[in-house]
Protein backbone atom coordinates (compact mmCIF):
# COMPACT_ATOMS: atom_id res chain seq x y z
CA MET A 1 66.84 96.32 103.78
CA ILE A 2 67.70 92.74 102.88
CA TYR A 3 70.79 91.82 100.87
CA GLY A 4 71.32 88.45 99.26
CA CYS A 5 71.54 86.26 96.25
CA GLU A 6 69.20 83.75 94.60
CA GLY A 7 70.37 80.72 92.64
CA LEU A 8 73.85 82.13 92.13
CA CYS A 9 76.04 80.04 89.84
CA LYS A 10 79.59 80.67 88.69
CA ARG A 11 81.62 78.48 86.38
CA TYR A 12 85.13 78.72 84.99
CA GLY A 13 85.06 76.47 81.96
CA PRO A 14 84.06 73.00 83.13
CA LEU A 15 84.63 73.88 86.82
CA THR A 16 81.52 74.92 88.76
CA VAL A 17 82.64 77.02 91.72
CA LEU A 18 79.22 78.13 93.00
CA ASP A 19 76.11 76.09 92.28
CA ARG A 20 72.70 77.64 93.01
CA VAL A 21 73.75 79.54 96.12
CA SER A 22 70.93 81.42 97.81
CA LEU A 23 71.61 83.58 100.90
CA SER A 24 70.01 86.57 102.58
CA PHE A 25 71.40 89.05 105.09
CA PRO A 26 69.68 91.91 106.93
CA ALA A 27 71.27 95.34 106.87
CA GLY A 28 73.56 95.78 109.86
CA ALA A 29 74.26 92.06 110.28
CA CYS A 30 77.72 90.66 110.85
CA VAL A 31 78.15 87.32 109.09
CA ALA A 32 81.18 85.00 108.78
CA ILE A 33 81.12 82.80 105.72
CA MET A 34 83.02 79.60 106.35
CA ALA A 35 83.92 76.79 104.01
CA PRO A 36 87.04 74.80 103.09
CA SER A 37 89.63 76.47 100.87
CA GLY A 38 88.60 76.41 97.21
CA SER A 39 84.86 76.34 97.99
CA GLY A 40 84.04 79.64 96.33
CA LYS A 41 84.08 82.16 99.19
CA THR A 42 86.28 84.66 97.35
CA THR A 43 84.36 84.09 94.15
CA LEU A 44 81.13 84.86 96.02
CA PHE A 45 82.63 88.13 97.26
CA ARG A 46 83.81 89.04 93.77
CA LEU A 47 80.27 88.51 92.49
CA LEU A 48 78.72 90.58 95.32
CA ALA A 49 81.20 93.38 94.65
CA GLY A 50 80.44 93.37 90.91
CA LEU A 51 83.98 92.37 89.96
CA GLU A 52 82.62 89.32 88.14
CA ALA A 53 79.20 88.48 86.68
CA PRO A 54 77.25 85.38 87.72
CA ASP A 55 76.52 82.76 85.07
CA GLU A 56 73.07 82.30 86.60
CA GLY A 57 71.06 83.77 89.44
CA ARG A 58 70.75 87.30 90.75
CA LEU A 59 71.95 89.62 93.46
CA LEU A 60 69.50 91.39 95.74
CA GLY A 61 70.10 94.81 97.29
CA PHE A 62 73.81 95.10 96.51
CA ASP A 63 74.81 98.46 95.04
CA GLN A 64 78.42 98.02 93.97
CA SER A 65 79.07 101.75 94.40
CA LYS A 66 78.37 101.35 98.13
CA ILE A 67 80.63 98.39 98.88
CA ALA A 68 84.04 98.53 100.60
CA MET A 69 86.24 95.47 100.41
CA VAL A 70 89.40 94.02 101.92
CA PHE A 71 90.90 91.52 99.50
CA GLN A 72 93.05 88.54 100.47
CA GLU A 73 95.96 90.01 98.56
CA ASP A 74 97.46 93.49 98.97
CA ARG A 75 95.47 96.05 97.00
CA LEU A 76 97.03 99.20 98.38
CA CYS A 77 98.93 101.71 96.23
CA GLY A 78 102.49 100.75 97.20
CA HIS A 79 104.17 104.07 96.49
CA LEU A 80 101.66 105.94 98.68
CA SER A 81 101.57 106.18 102.47
CA PRO A 82 98.84 104.56 104.57
CA VAL A 83 97.38 108.06 105.14
CA THR A 84 97.18 108.73 101.41
CA ASN A 85 95.79 105.25 100.66
CA VAL A 86 92.90 105.88 103.07
CA ALA A 87 92.40 109.42 101.75
CA LEU A 88 91.78 107.99 98.27
CA VAL A 89 88.45 106.52 99.39
CA GLN A 90 87.24 109.62 101.22
CA PRO A 91 85.06 112.21 99.44
CA ARG A 92 86.57 115.00 101.57
CA PRO A 93 89.69 113.60 103.21
CA ASP A 94 90.61 114.91 106.62
CA ARG A 95 94.20 113.74 106.95
CA ALA A 96 94.37 114.49 110.68
CA ALA A 97 91.27 112.32 111.30
CA ILE A 98 92.66 109.60 109.00
CA ARG A 99 95.92 109.64 110.92
CA ARG A 100 94.10 109.29 114.25
CA GLU A 101 92.16 106.30 112.91
CA LEU A 102 95.30 104.63 111.55
CA GLU A 103 97.15 105.20 114.84
CA THR A 104 94.57 103.07 116.67
CA ILE A 105 95.99 99.96 114.98
CA LEU A 106 99.29 101.02 113.37
CA PRO A 107 102.47 102.57 114.77
CA SER A 108 102.57 106.32 114.04
CA GLY A 109 106.09 106.02 112.62
CA CYS A 110 104.89 104.12 109.57
CA LEU A 111 102.02 106.40 108.56
CA ASP A 112 104.05 108.56 106.16
CA ARG A 113 106.19 105.78 104.67
CA PRO A 114 105.34 104.20 101.29
CA VAL A 115 103.15 101.17 101.90
CA ASN A 116 105.58 98.95 99.95
CA THR A 117 108.12 99.48 102.77
CA LEU A 118 105.71 98.10 105.45
CA SER A 119 105.42 94.58 106.74
CA GLY A 120 102.59 92.34 105.51
CA GLY A 121 100.70 92.79 108.79
CA MET A 122 101.00 96.59 108.60
CA LYS A 123 99.72 96.54 105.01
CA ARG A 124 96.81 94.36 106.09
CA ARG A 125 95.88 96.79 108.88
CA ALA A 126 96.11 99.78 106.52
CA ALA A 127 93.81 97.96 104.05
CA ILE A 128 91.29 97.31 106.84
CA VAL A 129 91.29 100.97 107.92
CA ARG A 130 90.78 102.02 104.32
CA ALA A 131 87.75 99.75 103.92
CA MET A 132 86.25 100.67 107.29
CA LEU A 133 86.54 104.43 106.56
CA ALA A 134 85.20 104.22 103.00
CA PRO A 135 81.63 105.48 102.63
CA SER A 136 79.68 102.23 102.19
CA ASP A 137 76.60 100.27 103.11
CA VAL A 138 78.31 96.86 102.80
CA LEU A 139 81.74 95.69 104.00
CA LEU A 140 83.27 92.59 102.39
CA LEU A 141 86.32 91.35 104.32
CA ASP A 142 88.02 88.36 102.69
CA GLU A 143 90.08 86.63 105.39
CA PRO A 144 90.93 90.04 106.85
CA PHE A 145 92.94 88.95 109.88
CA THR A 146 95.34 86.58 108.10
CA GLY A 147 98.94 87.30 109.00
CA LEU A 148 98.17 89.24 112.17
CA ASP A 149 99.62 88.15 115.51
CA GLU A 150 97.21 87.58 118.40
CA GLU A 151 97.52 91.07 119.93
CA ASN A 152 97.12 92.86 116.60
CA ARG A 153 94.23 90.61 115.63
CA GLU A 154 92.37 91.51 118.85
CA ASN A 155 92.97 95.25 118.29
CA VAL A 156 91.87 95.06 114.65
CA ILE A 157 88.74 93.07 115.50
CA ARG A 158 87.85 95.70 118.09
CA PHE A 159 88.49 98.44 115.48
CA VAL A 160 86.19 96.71 112.98
CA ARG A 161 83.40 96.13 115.51
CA GLU A 162 83.48 99.78 116.64
CA ARG A 163 83.28 101.07 113.06
CA GLN A 164 80.73 98.73 111.50
CA LYS A 165 78.06 101.35 112.30
CA GLY A 166 74.96 99.58 111.00
CA ARG A 167 76.53 98.38 107.80
CA LEU A 168 76.25 94.80 106.59
CA LEU A 169 79.60 93.15 107.30
CA LEU A 170 80.38 89.89 105.52
CA MET A 171 83.72 88.21 106.11
CA THR A 172 85.33 84.97 105.13
CA THR A 173 87.38 83.06 107.68
CA HIS A 174 88.55 79.59 108.52
CA LEU A 175 88.62 80.33 112.26
CA ARG A 176 85.52 80.15 114.48
CA GLU A 177 87.40 82.29 117.03
CA GLU A 178 87.52 85.23 114.63
CA ALA A 179 83.79 84.90 113.91
CA ALA A 180 83.04 84.69 117.64
CA ALA A 181 85.24 87.72 118.44
CA LEU A 182 83.27 89.78 115.91
CA GLY A 183 79.97 88.43 117.21
CA ALA A 184 79.28 87.14 113.72
CA GLU A 185 76.65 84.62 112.70
CA ILE A 186 78.30 81.72 110.89
CA VAL A 187 77.04 80.68 107.46
CA ARG A 188 78.56 77.63 105.77
CA LEU A 189 78.85 77.46 101.99
């Protein structure tokens, strides 16, 4: 299976954010999309995820019902615990299994607290677990390791690599080290 886009354009009024972007990715690939801030990386992900429609061009192979995404901003349900946030994306949640997965990158003492009481880094890790455990064919991770200290970043990257499981993983980053740690091919916008 090949995923991609052909001639993708996106404009906001007079501002052209993406201009005839064409990319292709094989299933199971790990790709880091790099470009300066404001170059359209997040907009590209929003188009791939079906959150926005392109002004021109077309998407190839992307089924929005089979995409899991980590956004740059917090998209967790703040009044729910990390365990419950992850359970929301599971067809048949196994809370014990979810807890074990979360404990690989989060302290066990925070797993039953409301997410809005957690630090930014803890929220980020919970969001990553939620995306990685969601049934999906494609993972879109928009600057997923921002705000994580070096030790947590290494643990989370290992977690992501071990759970990619043949899915297409696209991430945005400004750091070559993150792409290298994931073994990602680098594509420049």
